[in-house]
N, C-alpha and C. Protein backbone atom coordinates (compact mmCIF):
# COMPACT_ATOMS: atom_id res chain seq x y z
N MET A 1 0.93 -18.19 4.30
CA MET A 1 1.68 -17.82 5.52
C MET A 1 2.18 -16.37 5.45
N ALA A 2 2.65 -16.00 4.32
CA ALA A 2 3.09 -14.58 4.20
C ALA A 2 2.02 -13.57 4.39
N GLY A 3 0.78 -13.91 3.95
CA GLY A 3 -0.40 -13.02 4.10
C GLY A 3 -0.70 -12.87 5.52
N ILE A 4 -0.60 -13.95 6.41
CA ILE A 4 -0.82 -13.85 7.79
C ILE A 4 0.15 -12.94 8.43
N PHE A 5 1.44 -13.10 8.07
CA PHE A 5 2.51 -12.28 8.67
C PHE A 5 2.26 -10.74 8.25
N TYR A 6 1.91 -10.55 7.03
CA TYR A 6 1.68 -9.18 6.53
C TYR A 6 0.56 -8.57 7.27
N GLY A 7 -0.54 -9.35 7.47
CA GLY A 7 -1.70 -8.83 8.29
C GLY A 7 -1.36 -8.48 9.68
N TRP A 8 -0.53 -9.29 10.30
CA TRP A 8 -0.11 -9.06 11.68
C TRP A 8 0.77 -7.76 11.82
N ILE A 9 1.70 -7.61 10.80
CA ILE A 9 2.57 -6.45 10.81
C ILE A 9 1.63 -5.21 10.63
N GLY A 10 0.68 -5.32 9.67
CA GLY A 10 -0.23 -4.17 9.44
C GLY A 10 -1.06 -3.77 10.65
N LEU A 11 -1.53 -4.77 11.41
CA LEU A 11 -2.32 -4.48 12.57
C LEU A 11 -1.49 -3.79 13.70
N TYR A 12 -0.33 -4.32 13.90
CA TYR A 12 0.46 -3.84 15.07
C TYR A 12 1.39 -2.76 14.73
N TYR A 13 1.89 -2.67 13.53
CA TYR A 13 2.87 -1.64 13.15
C TYR A 13 2.48 -0.89 11.88
N GLY A 14 1.17 -0.81 11.65
CA GLY A 14 0.68 -0.17 10.40
C GLY A 14 1.22 1.26 10.22
N GLY A 15 1.24 1.97 11.30
CA GLY A 15 1.70 3.45 11.18
C GLY A 15 3.20 3.48 10.78
N LEU A 16 3.95 2.60 11.41
CA LEU A 16 5.40 2.64 11.05
C LEU A 16 5.73 2.00 9.74
N ALA A 17 4.94 1.07 9.29
CA ALA A 17 5.25 0.31 8.07
C ALA A 17 4.53 0.88 6.90
N GLN A 18 3.82 2.05 7.11
CA GLN A 18 3.09 2.78 6.03
C GLN A 18 2.15 1.84 5.27
N MET A 19 1.30 1.11 6.10
CA MET A 19 0.37 0.17 5.47
C MET A 19 -1.08 0.58 5.62
N GLN A 20 -1.35 1.85 5.82
CA GLN A 20 -2.75 2.29 6.05
C GLN A 20 -3.56 2.16 4.76
N ASP A 21 -2.96 2.28 3.59
CA ASP A 21 -3.74 2.24 2.35
C ASP A 21 -4.23 0.75 2.14
N THR A 22 -3.48 -0.20 2.54
CA THR A 22 -3.85 -1.55 2.48
C THR A 22 -5.18 -1.88 3.13
N TRP A 23 -5.27 -1.37 4.42
CA TRP A 23 -6.50 -1.64 5.23
C TRP A 23 -7.64 -0.80 4.67
N GLY A 24 -7.31 0.37 4.26
CA GLY A 24 -8.34 1.25 3.58
C GLY A 24 -9.02 0.60 2.37
N PHE A 25 -8.14 0.01 1.53
CA PHE A 25 -8.66 -0.69 0.36
C PHE A 25 -9.48 -1.94 0.80
N HIS A 26 -9.00 -2.56 1.87
CA HIS A 26 -9.71 -3.72 2.33
C HIS A 26 -11.14 -3.39 2.85
N ALA A 27 -11.24 -2.26 3.56
CA ALA A 27 -12.49 -1.79 4.10
C ALA A 27 -13.46 -1.37 2.92
N SER A 28 -12.89 -0.66 1.96
CA SER A 28 -13.68 -0.25 0.80
C SER A 28 -14.19 -1.48 0.01
N GLY A 29 -13.33 -2.49 -0.06
CA GLY A 29 -13.69 -3.70 -0.77
C GLY A 29 -14.82 -4.49 -0.04
N ILE A 30 -14.81 -4.46 1.28
CA ILE A 30 -15.89 -5.06 2.02
C ILE A 30 -17.28 -4.39 1.75
N GLN A 31 -17.15 -3.03 1.68
CA GLN A 31 -18.45 -2.27 1.44
C GLN A 31 -18.96 -2.50 0.03
N GLU A 32 -18.00 -2.57 -0.95
CA GLU A 32 -18.37 -2.84 -2.32
C GLU A 32 -18.96 -4.29 -2.40
N TYR A 33 -18.34 -5.23 -1.70
CA TYR A 33 -18.87 -6.65 -1.74
C TYR A 33 -20.35 -6.69 -1.21
N HIS A 34 -20.60 -5.93 -0.12
CA HIS A 34 -21.94 -5.97 0.40
C HIS A 34 -22.90 -5.27 -0.51
N LEU A 35 -22.45 -4.23 -1.23
CA LEU A 35 -23.28 -3.54 -2.26
C LEU A 35 -23.65 -4.50 -3.39
N LEU A 36 -22.59 -5.26 -3.82
CA LEU A 36 -22.83 -6.24 -4.91
C LEU A 36 -23.82 -7.29 -4.46
N TYR A 37 -23.70 -7.76 -3.22
CA TYR A 37 -24.58 -8.79 -2.72
C TYR A 37 -26.01 -8.35 -2.47
N ASN A 38 -26.14 -7.13 -1.97
CA ASN A 38 -27.46 -6.62 -1.61
C ASN A 38 -28.13 -5.84 -2.72
N ASN A 39 -27.37 -5.21 -3.63
CA ASN A 39 -28.00 -4.37 -4.65
C ASN A 39 -27.06 -4.51 -5.88
N PRO A 40 -27.09 -5.55 -6.62
CA PRO A 40 -26.20 -5.69 -7.79
C PRO A 40 -26.40 -4.70 -8.90
N GLY A 41 -27.61 -4.21 -9.08
CA GLY A 41 -27.88 -3.21 -10.08
C GLY A 41 -27.13 -1.98 -9.82
N GLU A 42 -27.18 -1.52 -8.56
CA GLU A 42 -26.41 -0.26 -8.29
C GLU A 42 -24.94 -0.46 -8.39
N TYR A 43 -24.50 -1.64 -7.93
CA TYR A 43 -23.08 -2.00 -8.02
C TYR A 43 -22.53 -1.87 -9.43
N PHE A 44 -23.22 -2.47 -10.37
CA PHE A 44 -22.78 -2.42 -11.81
C PHE A 44 -22.97 -1.05 -12.44
N THR A 45 -23.96 -0.26 -11.95
CA THR A 45 -24.16 1.08 -12.39
C THR A 45 -22.96 1.91 -11.98
N ASN A 46 -22.43 1.71 -10.72
CA ASN A 46 -21.37 2.51 -10.12
C ASN A 46 -20.02 2.29 -10.85
N LEU A 47 -19.98 1.16 -11.69
CA LEU A 47 -18.72 0.94 -12.45
C LEU A 47 -18.53 2.04 -13.50
N PHE A 48 -19.63 2.67 -13.90
CA PHE A 48 -19.58 3.58 -15.09
C PHE A 48 -19.70 5.09 -14.66
N ARG A 49 -19.80 5.33 -13.36
CA ARG A 49 -19.93 6.76 -12.93
C ARG A 49 -19.01 6.95 -11.70
N ASP A 50 -18.58 8.18 -11.54
CA ASP A 50 -17.79 8.57 -10.50
C ASP A 50 -18.45 9.71 -9.75
N PRO A 51 -19.13 9.52 -8.63
CA PRO A 51 -19.98 10.54 -7.99
C PRO A 51 -19.12 11.76 -7.51
N THR A 52 -17.88 11.62 -7.27
CA THR A 52 -17.05 12.70 -6.84
C THR A 52 -16.42 13.54 -8.00
N MET A 53 -16.45 12.93 -9.23
CA MET A 53 -15.86 13.54 -10.38
C MET A 53 -14.31 13.81 -10.24
N VAL A 54 -13.69 13.28 -9.18
CA VAL A 54 -12.27 13.48 -8.97
C VAL A 54 -11.46 12.84 -10.16
N GLY A 55 -11.87 11.67 -10.52
CA GLY A 55 -11.12 11.00 -11.62
C GLY A 55 -11.11 11.81 -12.91
N LEU A 56 -12.31 12.39 -13.27
CA LEU A 56 -12.33 13.21 -14.50
C LEU A 56 -11.56 14.43 -14.42
N ILE A 57 -11.61 15.11 -13.25
CA ILE A 57 -10.89 16.35 -13.06
C ILE A 57 -9.37 16.13 -13.15
N ASN A 58 -8.95 14.99 -12.42
CA ASN A 58 -7.46 14.71 -12.47
C ASN A 58 -6.99 14.33 -13.86
N PHE A 59 -7.84 13.57 -14.57
CA PHE A 59 -7.55 13.14 -15.90
C PHE A 59 -7.45 14.37 -16.85
N SER A 60 -8.44 15.31 -16.75
CA SER A 60 -8.38 16.51 -17.56
C SER A 60 -7.16 17.37 -17.26
N ALA A 61 -6.81 17.52 -15.98
CA ALA A 61 -5.60 18.26 -15.62
C ALA A 61 -4.35 17.67 -16.25
N LEU A 62 -4.34 16.33 -16.09
CA LEU A 62 -3.16 15.66 -16.70
C LEU A 62 -3.05 15.85 -18.20
N MET A 63 -4.17 15.82 -18.88
CA MET A 63 -4.14 15.99 -20.28
C MET A 63 -3.74 17.43 -20.72
N ILE A 64 -4.14 18.40 -19.89
CA ILE A 64 -3.82 19.80 -20.16
C ILE A 64 -2.31 20.01 -19.89
N LEU A 65 -1.79 19.46 -18.81
CA LEU A 65 -0.37 19.69 -18.37
C LEU A 65 0.52 19.02 -19.36
N THR A 66 0.14 17.91 -19.95
CA THR A 66 1.02 17.21 -20.88
C THR A 66 0.86 17.74 -22.29
N GLY A 67 -0.12 18.63 -22.50
CA GLY A 67 -0.26 19.22 -23.84
C GLY A 67 -1.00 18.40 -24.82
N MET A 68 -1.70 17.33 -24.31
CA MET A 68 -2.42 16.41 -25.13
C MET A 68 -3.71 16.97 -25.72
N ILE A 69 -4.30 18.05 -24.99
CA ILE A 69 -5.48 18.72 -25.50
C ILE A 69 -5.23 20.22 -25.57
């Protein structure tokens, strides 16, 4: 019941309630589900690579800023 209420709030008051990320994650999840269903080999390969390299860059910057490297 709470999930239905949360979804209704998100649809009608998403901008005011700052819920855009929830629907963005939902849309990304649907795309990933279809990739898993239609091309499981690529889905599991994508678990080990980041095509944008954003994760690696942010991780490296964090390590440098904290003095760990």
